Amino acid sequence: QVQLVESGGGLVQAGGSLRLSCVASTSIDSMYDMAWYRQAPGKQRELVANIFSGGNLNYAESVKGRFTISRDNVKNTVYLQMNSLKSEDTAVYYCRATRYSVGVNYWGKGTQVTVSS
């Protein structure tokens, strides 16, 4: 079982920046692919960005060039640097860890990001 705790959300003006963190309760080095998702009110949860155990990255088109995902395996932490925030980025942001060898996903409880226009 892996516990994930997100932090770093808050209220920011459009054009501003936030850095989200997701701390895992166990080592996430070579065993886990990590991702950030978000869910806006009345919408389905959507993928924001992936960072795979081998280091490959993937971003949703809507955040390319503005968001950066990274991981620190020593600190068991995944980050999401969000720049040039827009009102449409307002959502609850969730961290997900996937133990790809067994296909099991773990989710955090989320952190709220609100962007005012």
N, C-alpha and C. Protein backbone atom coordinates (compact mmCIF):
# COMPACT_ATOMS: atom_id res chain seq x y z
N GLN A 1 0.83 -1.19 0.00
CA GLN A 1 0.00 0.00 0.00
C GLN A 1 0.87 1.25 0.00
N VAL A 2 0.53 2.20 -0.83
CA VAL A 2 1.27 3.45 -0.94
C VAL A 2 0.32 4.59 -0.57
N GLN A 3 0.74 5.43 0.35
CA GLN A 3 -0.01 6.66 0.65
C GLN A 3 0.66 7.81 -0.06
N LEU A 4 -0.18 8.65 -0.66
CA LEU A 4 0.29 9.83 -1.38
C LEU A 4 -0.34 11.07 -0.77
N VAL A 5 0.46 12.08 -0.52
CA VAL A 5 -0.05 13.32 0.07
C VAL A 5 0.37 14.48 -0.81
N GLU A 6 -0.63 15.15 -1.36
CA GLU A 6 -0.37 16.32 -2.19
C GLU A 6 -0.38 17.60 -1.35
N SER A 7 0.36 18.58 -1.81
CA SER A 7 0.36 19.90 -1.17
C SER A 7 0.76 20.94 -2.20
N GLY A 8 0.60 22.21 -1.83
CA GLY A 8 1.04 23.29 -2.69
C GLY A 8 -0.06 24.01 -3.44
N GLY A 9 -1.27 23.51 -3.32
CA GLY A 9 -2.37 24.19 -3.98
C GLY A 9 -2.72 25.50 -3.29
N GLY A 10 -3.61 26.25 -3.93
CA GLY A 10 -4.03 27.51 -3.35
C GLY A 10 -4.71 28.39 -4.36
N LEU A 11 -4.87 29.65 -3.98
CA LEU A 11 -5.50 30.65 -4.85
C LEU A 11 -4.42 31.52 -5.48
N VAL A 12 -4.48 31.67 -6.79
CA VAL A 12 -3.47 32.46 -7.50
C VAL A 12 -4.16 33.22 -8.63
N GLN A 13 -3.60 34.34 -8.98
CA GLN A 13 -4.15 35.12 -10.08
C GLN A 13 -3.72 34.51 -11.42
N ALA A 14 -4.52 34.75 -12.42
CA ALA A 14 -4.15 34.31 -13.77
C ALA A 14 -2.77 34.86 -14.14
N GLY A 15 -1.97 34.00 -14.75
CA GLY A 15 -0.61 34.37 -15.09
C GLY A 15 0.41 34.01 -14.04
N GLY A 16 -0.07 33.63 -12.88
CA GLY A 16 0.82 33.28 -11.77
C GLY A 16 1.30 31.85 -11.84
N SER A 17 2.00 31.44 -10.78
CA SER A 17 2.62 30.12 -10.73
C SER A 17 2.34 29.44 -9.40
N LEU A 18 2.32 28.12 -9.44
CA LEU A 18 2.26 27.30 -8.24
C LEU A 18 3.11 26.07 -8.46
N ARG A 19 3.60 25.51 -7.38
CA ARG A 19 4.33 24.25 -7.44
C ARG A 19 3.66 23.25 -6.52
N LEU A 20 3.16 22.20 -7.10
CA LEU A 20 2.54 21.14 -6.33
C LEU A 20 3.57 20.07 -6.00
N SER A 21 3.40 19.46 -4.83
CA SER A 21 4.25 18.36 -4.41
C SER A 21 3.38 17.16 -4.06
N CYS A 22 3.93 15.99 -4.28
CA CYS A 22 3.26 14.75 -3.91
C CYS A 22 4.31 13.86 -3.26
N VAL A 23 4.12 13.62 -1.96
CA VAL A 23 5.06 12.80 -1.21
C VAL A 23 4.48 11.40 -1.03
N ALA A 24 5.28 10.41 -1.38
CA ALA A 24 4.86 9.02 -1.25
C ALA A 24 5.41 8.42 0.04
N SER A 25 4.66 7.46 0.56
CA SER A 25 5.05 6.82 1.84
C SER A 25 6.10 5.74 1.65
N THR A 26 6.43 5.44 0.40
CA THR A 26 7.40 4.40 0.12
C THR A 26 8.28 4.84 -1.04
N SER A 27 9.33 4.10 -1.27
CA SER A 27 10.20 4.42 -2.39
C SER A 27 9.46 4.30 -3.71
N ILE A 28 9.69 5.29 -4.57
CA ILE A 28 9.00 5.29 -5.87
C ILE A 28 9.98 5.20 -7.03
N ASP A 29 11.20 4.73 -6.75
CA ASP A 29 12.23 4.85 -7.78
C ASP A 29 11.91 4.06 -9.04
N SER A 30 12.30 2.82 -9.13
CA SER A 30 12.17 2.09 -10.38
C SER A 30 10.87 1.31 -10.51
N MET A 31 10.04 1.37 -9.48
CA MET A 31 8.86 0.50 -9.47
C MET A 31 7.58 1.21 -9.88
N TYR A 32 7.62 2.54 -9.90
CA TYR A 32 6.37 3.27 -10.07
C TYR A 32 6.47 4.32 -11.18
N ASP A 33 5.42 4.35 -11.96
CA ASP A 33 5.18 5.48 -12.83
C ASP A 33 4.31 6.46 -12.06
N MET A 34 4.55 7.74 -12.23
CA MET A 34 3.84 8.77 -11.47
C MET A 34 3.09 9.70 -12.42
N ALA A 35 2.01 10.26 -11.92
CA ALA A 35 1.21 11.14 -12.76
C ALA A 35 0.46 12.16 -11.92
N TRP A 36 0.12 13.25 -12.54
CA TRP A 36 -0.81 14.24 -11.99
C TRP A 36 -2.07 14.25 -12.85
N TYR A 37 -3.19 14.23 -12.16
CA TYR A 37 -4.50 14.37 -12.79
C TYR A 37 -5.19 15.58 -12.18
N ARG A 38 -6.26 16.02 -12.82
CA ARG A 38 -7.07 17.08 -12.23
C ARG A 38 -8.53 16.85 -12.57
N GLN A 39 -9.37 17.41 -11.70
CA GLN A 39 -10.81 17.31 -11.90
C GLN A 39 -11.46 18.64 -11.56
N ALA A 40 -12.05 19.25 -12.56
CA ALA A 40 -12.77 20.50 -12.37
C ALA A 40 -14.23 20.18 -12.03
N PRO A 41 -14.93 21.11 -11.40
CA PRO A 41 -16.32 20.87 -11.04
C PRO A 41 -17.17 20.50 -12.25
N GLY A 42 -17.91 19.41 -12.14
CA GLY A 42 -18.79 18.98 -13.21
C GLY A 42 -18.09 18.30 -14.37
N LYS A 43 -16.79 18.07 -14.24
CA LYS A 43 -16.04 17.44 -15.34
C LYS A 43 -15.39 16.15 -14.87
N GLN A 44 -15.00 15.34 -15.84
CA GLN A 44 -14.30 14.10 -15.51
C GLN A 44 -12.85 14.39 -15.16
N ARG A 45 -12.28 13.49 -14.39
CA ARG A 45 -10.87 13.60 -14.06
C ARG A 45 -10.07 13.41 -15.34
N GLU A 46 -9.04 14.25 -15.51
CA GLU A 46 -8.23 14.16 -16.72
C GLU A 46 -6.75 14.14 -16.38
N LEU A 47 -6.00 13.50 -17.26
CA LEU A 47 -4.56 13.43 -17.09
C LEU A 47 -3.92 14.77 -17.40
N VAL A 48 -3.02 15.19 -16.53
CA VAL A 48 -2.27 16.43 -16.75
C VAL A 48 -0.88 16.10 -17.27
N ALA A 49 -0.19 15.21 -16.56
CA ALA A 49 1.18 14.87 -16.95
C ALA A 49 1.58 13.54 -16.32
N ASN A 50 2.47 12.82 -17.05
CA ASN A 50 3.07 11.57 -16.54
C ASN A 50 4.56 11.75 -16.46
N ILE A 51 5.16 11.05 -15.51
CA ILE A 51 6.60 10.85 -15.53
C ILE A 51 6.83 9.38 -15.21
N PHE A 52 7.43 8.69 -16.17
CA PHE A 52 7.57 7.25 -16.06
C PHE A 52 8.87 6.91 -15.32
N SER A 53 8.94 5.68 -14.86
CA SER A 53 10.10 5.28 -14.06
C SER A 53 11.39 5.44 -14.84
N GLY A 54 11.33 5.31 -16.17
CA GLY A 54 12.52 5.47 -17.00
C GLY A 54 12.86 6.90 -17.31
N GLY A 55 11.97 7.82 -16.90
CA GLY A 55 12.23 9.24 -17.08
C GLY A 55 11.46 9.90 -18.20
N ASN A 56 10.77 9.12 -19.01
CA ASN A 56 9.98 9.71 -20.09
C ASN A 56 8.85 10.56 -19.52
N LEU A 57 8.52 11.60 -20.26
CA LEU A 57 7.49 12.55 -19.83
C LEU A 57 6.36 12.59 -20.86
N ASN A 58 5.18 12.95 -20.35
CA ASN A 58 4.03 13.11 -21.24
C ASN A 58 3.14 14.19 -20.64
N TYR A 59 2.63 15.07 -21.51
CA TYR A 59 1.79 16.17 -21.05
C TYR A 59 0.49 16.24 -21.86
N ALA A 60 -0.56 16.68 -21.19
CA ALA A 60 -1.77 17.01 -21.90
C ALA A 60 -1.50 18.23 -22.78
N GLU A 61 -2.16 18.28 -23.92
CA GLU A 61 -1.94 19.40 -24.85
C GLU A 61 -2.23 20.74 -24.19
N SER A 62 -3.20 20.77 -23.31
CA SER A 62 -3.63 22.02 -22.71
C SER A 62 -2.60 22.62 -21.76
N VAL A 63 -1.61 21.83 -21.33
CA VAL A 63 -0.63 22.35 -20.37
C VAL A 63 0.79 22.36 -20.92
N LYS A 64 0.97 21.86 -22.12
CA LYS A 64 2.32 21.82 -22.71
C LYS A 64 2.91 23.22 -22.79
N GLY A 65 4.16 23.31 -22.39
CA GLY A 65 4.85 24.60 -22.41
C GLY A 65 4.61 25.45 -21.17
N ARG A 66 3.67 25.05 -20.33
CA ARG A 66 3.36 25.81 -19.12
C ARG A 66 3.65 25.01 -17.85
N PHE A 67 3.40 23.71 -17.88
CA PHE A 67 3.59 22.85 -16.71
C PHE A 67 4.80 21.96 -16.90
N THR A 68 5.47 21.65 -15.79
CA THR A 68 6.61 20.73 -15.83
C THR A 68 6.48 19.73 -14.69
N ILE A 69 6.54 18.46 -15.04
CA ILE A 69 6.51 17.40 -14.04
C ILE A 69 7.93 16.91 -13.80
N SER A 70 8.24 16.62 -12.54
CA SER A 70 9.56 16.11 -12.21
C SER A 70 9.44 15.20 -11.00
N ARG A 71 10.49 14.44 -10.74
CA ARG A 71 10.45 13.55 -9.59
C ARG A 71 11.81 13.53 -8.91
N ASP A 72 11.79 13.37 -7.61
CA ASP A 72 12.99 13.22 -6.79
C ASP A 72 12.85 11.88 -6.08
N ASN A 73 13.50 10.87 -6.61
CA ASN A 73 13.34 9.53 -6.05
C ASN A 73 13.97 9.39 -4.66
N VAL A 74 14.91 10.24 -4.34
CA VAL A 74 15.51 10.20 -3.01
C VAL A 74 14.50 10.69 -1.97
N LYS A 75 13.75 11.71 -2.34
CA LYS A 75 12.74 12.27 -1.43
C LYS A 75 11.37 11.63 -1.61
N ASN A 76 11.27 10.67 -2.53
CA ASN A 76 9.98 10.02 -2.81
C ASN A 76 8.91 11.05 -3.14
N THR A 77 9.27 12.02 -3.94
CA THR A 77 8.39 13.16 -4.21
C THR A 77 8.29 13.43 -5.70
N VAL A 78 7.09 13.76 -6.13
CA VAL A 78 6.84 14.20 -7.50
C VAL A 78 6.32 15.62 -7.45
N TYR A 79 6.76 16.41 -8.39
CA TYR A 79 6.39 17.83 -8.42
C TYR A 79 5.64 18.16 -9.71
N LEU A 80 4.85 19.20 -9.61
CA LEU A 80 4.23 19.77 -10.81
C LEU A 80 4.39 21.28 -10.73
N GLN A 81 5.30 21.80 -11.53
CA GLN A 81 5.49 23.24 -11.61
C GLN A 81 4.50 23.79 -12.63
N MET A 82 3.66 24.70 -12.19
CA MET A 82 2.63 25.25 -13.05
C MET A 82 2.86 26.75 -13.23
N ASN A 83 3.13 27.15 -14.44
CA ASN A 83 3.35 28.55 -14.78
C ASN A 83 2.26 29.06 -15.72
N SER A 84 2.17 30.35 -15.82
CA SER A 84 1.20 30.99 -16.73
C SER A 84 -0.19 30.39 -16.53
N LEU A 85 -0.59 30.33 -15.29
CA LEU A 85 -1.87 29.69 -14.96
C LEU A 85 -3.05 30.45 -15.55
N LYS A 86 -4.06 29.67 -15.95
CA LYS A 86 -5.28 30.22 -16.53
C LYS A 86 -6.47 29.82 -15.66
N SER A 87 -7.56 30.52 -15.83
CA SER A 87 -8.75 30.20 -15.03
C SER A 87 -9.21 28.76 -15.29
N GLU A 88 -9.00 28.28 -16.50
CA GLU A 88 -9.41 26.91 -16.83
C GLU A 88 -8.54 25.84 -16.18
N ASP A 89 -7.47 26.25 -15.52
CA ASP A 89 -6.64 25.30 -14.76
C ASP A 89 -7.22 25.05 -13.37
N THR A 90 -8.25 25.78 -13.01
CA THR A 90 -8.88 25.59 -11.70
C THR A 90 -9.45 24.19 -11.59
N ALA A 91 -9.02 23.47 -10.56
CA ALA A 91 -9.43 22.08 -10.37
C ALA A 91 -8.82 21.56 -9.08
N VAL A 92 -9.25 20.37 -8.70
CA VAL A 92 -8.54 19.61 -7.67
C VAL A 92 -7.50 18.76 -8.39
N TYR A 93 -6.28 18.85 -7.95
CA TYR A 93 -5.18 18.12 -8.57
C TYR A 93 -4.83 16.91 -7.73
N TYR A 94 -4.74 15.77 -8.41
CA TYR A 94 -4.48 14.50 -7.74
C TYR A 94 -3.18 13.88 -8.24
N CYS A 95 -2.50 13.24 -7.33
CA CYS A 95 -1.30 12.50 -7.65
C CYS A 95 -1.67 11.02 -7.75
N ARG A 96 -1.05 10.33 -8.71
CA ARG A 96 -1.29 8.91 -8.86
C ARG A 96 0.03 8.18 -9.02
N ALA A 97 0.16 7.08 -8.33
CA ALA A 97 1.32 6.20 -8.47
C ALA A 97 0.84 4.88 -9.05
N THR A 98 1.53 4.40 -10.07
CA THR A 98 1.18 3.12 -10.69
C THR A 98 2.35 2.17 -10.56
N ARG A 99 2.09 1.08 -9.85
CA ARG A 99 3.09 0.02 -9.81
C ARG A 99 2.86 -0.82 -11.05
N TYR A 100 3.65 -0.53 -12.08
CA TYR A 100 3.33 -1.02 -13.40
C TYR A 100 3.48 -2.54 -13.51
N SER A 101 4.30 -3.15 -12.65
CA SER A 101 4.51 -4.60 -12.75
C SER A 101 3.25 -5.38 -12.40
N VAL A 102 2.37 -4.77 -11.59
CA VAL A 102 1.15 -5.47 -11.20
C VAL A 102 -0.10 -4.68 -11.60
N GLY A 103 0.11 -3.52 -12.21
CA GLY A 103 -1.03 -2.75 -12.69
C GLY A 103 -1.90 -2.16 -11.61
N VAL A 104 -1.31 -1.80 -10.49
CA VAL A 104 -2.08 -1.25 -9.37
C VAL A 104 -1.85 0.25 -9.28
N ASN A 105 -2.94 1.01 -9.12
CA ASN A 105 -2.88 2.46 -8.98
C ASN A 105 -3.17 2.88 -7.54
N TYR A 106 -2.48 3.90 -7.11
CA TYR A 106 -2.72 4.53 -5.82
C TYR A 106 -2.95 6.01 -6.06
N TRP A 107 -3.89 6.57 -5.28
CA TRP A 107 -4.27 7.97 -5.46
C TRP A 107 -4.12 8.74 -4.16
N GLY A 108 -3.75 10.01 -4.29
CA GLY A 108 -3.81 10.91 -3.16
C GLY A 108 -5.20 11.51 -3.04
N LYS A 109 -5.40 12.34 -2.02
CA LYS A 109 -6.71 12.93 -1.78
C LYS A 109 -6.91 14.24 -2.53
N GLY A 110 -5.86 14.77 -3.09
CA GLY A 110 -5.97 15.96 -3.92
C GLY A 110 -5.66 17.25 -3.21
N THR A 111 -5.35 18.26 -4.01
CA THR A 111 -5.12 19.61 -3.52
C THR A 111 -5.80 20.58 -4.47
N GLN A 112 -6.48 21.57 -3.90
CA GLN A 112 -7.28 22.49 -4.70
C GLN A 112 -6.41 23.60 -5.28
N VAL A 113 -6.57 23.83 -6.56
CA VAL A 113 -5.93 24.96 -7.24
C VAL A 113 -7.04 25.83 -7.82
N THR A 114 -7.02 27.10 -7.43
CA THR A 114 -8.01 28.03 -7.93
C THR A 114 -7.29 29.21 -8.57
N VAL A 115 -7.60 29.47 -9.83
CA VAL A 115 -6.98 30.56 -10.57
C VAL A 115 -8.04 31.61 -10.84
N SER A 116 -7.80 32.81 -10.31
CA SER A 116 -8.76 33.90 -10.49
C SER A 116 -8.38 34.72 -11.71
N SER A 117 -9.37 35.12 -12.47
CA SER A 117 -9.11 35.88 -13.69
C SER A 117 -9.22 37.38 -13.45
